[in-house]
Amino acid sequence: MRIFDIIKSELNSDKLKLEEEFERVVNDKSLATDDKVATIKNILMEIATIEMAFEKFKGYTTNEPDDELTKE
């Protein structure tokens, strides 16, 4: 479905933007170490959230049953 493609594209785009921001912060010589570490940690948390969202979305859009629902 087209809507699924749009969602996947948006998630990938958001992840790429964050990865570019990650690179920029890592290479920024003007940031203090503490600020750089805090910023990188926040960016990594956002990237991880997007990756988890993408995996969850894939789970919703495939025909395989969810392991949690099939456990007894």
N, C-alpha and C. Protein backbone atom coordinates (compact mmCIF):
# COMPACT_ATOMS: atom_id res chain seq x y z
N MET A 1 0.83 -1.19 0.00
CA MET A 1 0.00 0.00 0.00
C MET A 1 0.88 1.25 0.00
N ARG A 2 0.39 2.25 -0.63
CA ARG A 2 1.14 3.50 -0.75
C ARG A 2 1.41 4.14 0.61
N ILE A 3 0.44 4.10 1.51
CA ILE A 3 0.63 4.72 2.82
C ILE A 3 1.77 4.06 3.58
N PHE A 4 1.92 2.75 3.43
CA PHE A 4 3.02 2.03 4.09
C PHE A 4 4.37 2.50 3.55
N ASP A 5 4.43 2.70 2.25
CA ASP A 5 5.67 3.19 1.64
C ASP A 5 6.01 4.59 2.13
N ILE A 6 4.99 5.42 2.29
CA ILE A 6 5.21 6.78 2.78
C ILE A 6 5.74 6.75 4.21
N ILE A 7 5.15 5.92 5.05
CA ILE A 7 5.59 5.82 6.44
C ILE A 7 7.03 5.33 6.51
N LYS A 8 7.36 4.28 5.76
CA LYS A 8 8.73 3.78 5.75
C LYS A 8 9.70 4.84 5.26
N SER A 9 9.31 5.57 4.23
CA SER A 9 10.17 6.62 3.69
C SER A 9 10.39 7.73 4.72
N GLU A 10 9.35 8.12 5.41
CA GLU A 10 9.46 9.17 6.43
C GLU A 10 10.36 8.73 7.59
N LEU A 11 10.20 7.49 8.04
CA LEU A 11 11.05 6.98 9.12
C LEU A 11 12.51 6.95 8.69
N ASN A 12 12.76 6.48 7.48
CA ASN A 12 14.14 6.45 6.97
C ASN A 12 14.72 7.84 6.83
N SER A 13 13.91 8.78 6.36
CA SER A 13 14.37 10.16 6.21
C SER A 13 14.72 10.77 7.56
N ASP A 14 13.87 10.55 8.55
CA ASP A 14 14.15 11.06 9.90
C ASP A 14 15.44 10.46 10.46
N LYS A 15 15.64 9.18 10.23
CA LYS A 15 16.86 8.52 10.71
C LYS A 15 18.10 9.09 10.04
N LEU A 16 18.03 9.30 8.73
CA LEU A 16 19.17 9.87 8.00
C LEU A 16 19.50 11.27 8.49
N LYS A 17 18.49 12.07 8.77
CA LYS A 17 18.73 13.41 9.29
C LYS A 17 19.45 13.35 10.63
N LEU A 18 19.02 12.43 11.48
CA LEU A 18 19.66 12.29 12.78
C LEU A 18 21.09 11.78 12.66
N GLU A 19 21.33 10.87 11.72
CA GLU A 19 22.68 10.37 11.51
C GLU A 19 23.60 11.49 11.01
N GLU A 20 23.08 12.36 10.17
CA GLU A 20 23.87 13.50 9.72
C GLU A 20 24.16 14.45 10.88
N GLU A 21 23.18 14.67 11.74
CA GLU A 21 23.38 15.51 12.91
C GLU A 21 24.41 14.89 13.85
N PHE A 22 24.35 13.57 14.00
CA PHE A 22 25.33 12.84 14.81
C PHE A 22 26.75 13.10 14.30
N GLU A 23 26.95 12.97 13.00
CA GLU A 23 28.27 13.21 12.40
C GLU A 23 28.72 14.65 12.62
N ARG A 24 27.78 15.58 12.45
CA ARG A 24 28.13 16.99 12.64
C ARG A 24 28.59 17.25 14.07
N VAL A 25 27.88 16.70 15.04
CA VAL A 25 28.23 16.92 16.45
C VAL A 25 29.57 16.26 16.76
N VAL A 26 29.78 15.05 16.29
CA VAL A 26 31.04 14.35 16.54
C VAL A 26 32.23 15.17 16.02
N ASN A 27 32.06 15.78 14.87
CA ASN A 27 33.16 16.52 14.24
C ASN A 27 33.25 17.98 14.66
N ASP A 28 32.31 18.45 15.47
CA ASP A 28 32.29 19.85 15.89
C ASP A 28 33.34 20.09 16.98
N LYS A 29 34.35 20.87 16.63
CA LYS A 29 35.45 21.14 17.58
C LYS A 29 35.08 22.22 18.60
N SER A 30 34.02 22.97 18.34
CA SER A 30 33.68 24.08 19.22
C SER A 30 32.85 23.65 20.44
N LEU A 31 32.27 22.46 20.40
CA LEU A 31 31.45 22.00 21.52
C LEU A 31 32.33 21.48 22.65
N ALA A 32 31.92 21.80 23.86
CA ALA A 32 32.59 21.24 25.04
C ALA A 32 32.30 19.75 25.10
N THR A 33 33.21 19.00 25.68
CA THR A 33 33.07 17.54 25.74
C THR A 33 31.77 17.12 26.40
N ASP A 34 31.43 17.73 27.53
CA ASP A 34 30.19 17.36 28.22
C ASP A 34 28.96 17.62 27.36
N ASP A 35 28.95 18.76 26.67
CA ASP A 35 27.83 19.08 25.79
C ASP A 35 27.76 18.12 24.61
N LYS A 36 28.93 17.78 24.08
CA LYS A 36 28.99 16.87 22.94
C LYS A 36 28.46 15.49 23.34
N VAL A 37 28.89 15.00 24.50
CA VAL A 37 28.45 13.68 24.97
C VAL A 37 26.94 13.68 25.19
N ALA A 38 26.41 14.70 25.83
CA ALA A 38 24.97 14.78 26.09
C ALA A 38 24.18 14.83 24.78
N THR A 39 24.66 15.62 23.84
CA THR A 39 23.97 15.74 22.55
C THR A 39 24.01 14.43 21.79
N ILE A 40 25.16 13.77 21.77
CA ILE A 40 25.28 12.49 21.07
C ILE A 40 24.37 11.44 21.70
N LYS A 41 24.31 11.41 23.02
CA LYS A 41 23.42 10.45 23.69
C LYS A 41 21.96 10.69 23.30
N ASN A 42 21.56 11.95 23.24
CA ASN A 42 20.18 12.28 22.86
C ASN A 42 19.90 11.87 21.41
N ILE A 43 20.84 12.13 20.53
CA ILE A 43 20.67 11.75 19.13
C ILE A 43 20.57 10.23 19.01
N LEU A 44 21.43 9.51 19.72
CA LEU A 44 21.39 8.04 19.66
C LEU A 44 20.07 7.50 20.19
N MET A 45 19.52 8.12 21.23
CA MET A 45 18.22 7.67 21.74
C MET A 45 17.12 7.90 20.70
N GLU A 46 17.19 9.03 19.99
CA GLU A 46 16.21 9.29 18.95
C GLU A 46 16.35 8.30 17.79
N ILE A 47 17.58 7.98 17.41
CA ILE A 47 17.81 7.01 16.34
C ILE A 47 17.28 5.64 16.76
N ALA A 48 17.56 5.24 17.99
CA ALA A 48 17.07 3.95 18.50
C ALA A 48 15.55 3.91 18.52
N THR A 49 14.92 5.01 18.88
CA THR A 49 13.46 5.07 18.90
C THR A 49 12.90 4.89 17.49
N ILE A 50 13.50 5.55 16.52
CA ILE A 50 13.04 5.41 15.14
C ILE A 50 13.23 3.98 14.65
N GLU A 51 14.39 3.38 14.97
CA GLU A 51 14.63 2.00 14.56
C GLU A 51 13.61 1.04 15.19
N MET A 52 13.29 1.26 16.46
CA MET A 52 12.27 0.41 17.11
C MET A 52 10.90 0.63 16.48
N ALA A 53 10.59 1.87 16.15
CA ALA A 53 9.31 2.18 15.50
C ALA A 53 9.23 1.49 14.13
N PHE A 54 10.34 1.51 13.41
CA PHE A 54 10.37 0.87 12.10
C PHE A 54 10.15 -0.64 12.22
N GLU A 55 10.81 -1.26 13.19
CA GLU A 55 10.64 -2.70 13.40
C GLU A 55 9.21 -3.02 13.81
N LYS A 56 8.63 -2.21 14.68
CA LYS A 56 7.25 -2.42 15.10
C LYS A 56 6.31 -2.27 13.92
N PHE A 57 6.56 -1.26 13.09
CA PHE A 57 5.74 -1.05 11.90
C PHE A 57 5.83 -2.24 10.96
N LYS A 58 7.05 -2.75 10.77
CA LYS A 58 7.21 -3.95 9.93
C LYS A 58 6.42 -5.10 10.50
N GLY A 59 6.41 -5.24 11.82
CA GLY A 59 5.64 -6.30 12.45
C GLY A 59 4.14 -6.16 12.20
N TYR A 60 3.68 -4.95 12.17
CA TYR A 60 2.25 -4.72 11.91
C TYR A 60 1.88 -4.97 10.45
N THR A 61 2.85 -4.80 9.56
CA THR A 61 2.53 -4.89 8.14
C THR A 61 2.90 -6.22 7.50
N THR A 62 3.44 -7.15 8.28
CA THR A 62 3.72 -8.48 7.74
C THR A 62 2.64 -9.44 8.19
N ASN A 63 2.59 -10.59 7.58
CA ASN A 63 1.56 -11.57 7.90
C ASN A 63 1.97 -12.55 8.99
N GLU A 64 3.19 -12.40 9.52
CA GLU A 64 3.65 -13.31 10.54
C GLU A 64 2.99 -12.96 11.87
N PRO A 65 2.58 -13.97 12.66
CA PRO A 65 1.96 -13.67 13.96
C PRO A 65 2.98 -13.12 14.94
N ASP A 66 2.51 -12.28 15.83
CA ASP A 66 3.36 -11.69 16.87
C ASP A 66 3.65 -12.76 17.91
N ASP A 67 4.93 -12.95 18.25
CA ASP A 67 5.32 -13.98 19.23
C ASP A 67 4.64 -13.79 20.56
N GLU A 68 4.47 -12.55 21.00
CA GLU A 68 3.87 -12.28 22.29
C GLU A 68 2.40 -12.73 22.31
N LEU A 69 1.73 -12.59 21.19
CA LEU A 69 0.32 -12.95 21.14
C LEU A 69 0.11 -14.46 21.05
N THR A 70 1.08 -15.19 20.53
CA THR A 70 0.92 -16.62 20.34
C THR A 70 1.45 -17.44 21.52
N LYS A 71 2.11 -16.79 22.48
CA LYS A 71 2.62 -17.51 23.65
C LYS A 71 1.47 -17.84 24.58
N GLU A 72 1.55 -18.98 25.19
CA GLU A 72 0.52 -19.37 26.16
C GLU A 72 1.15 -19.66 27.48
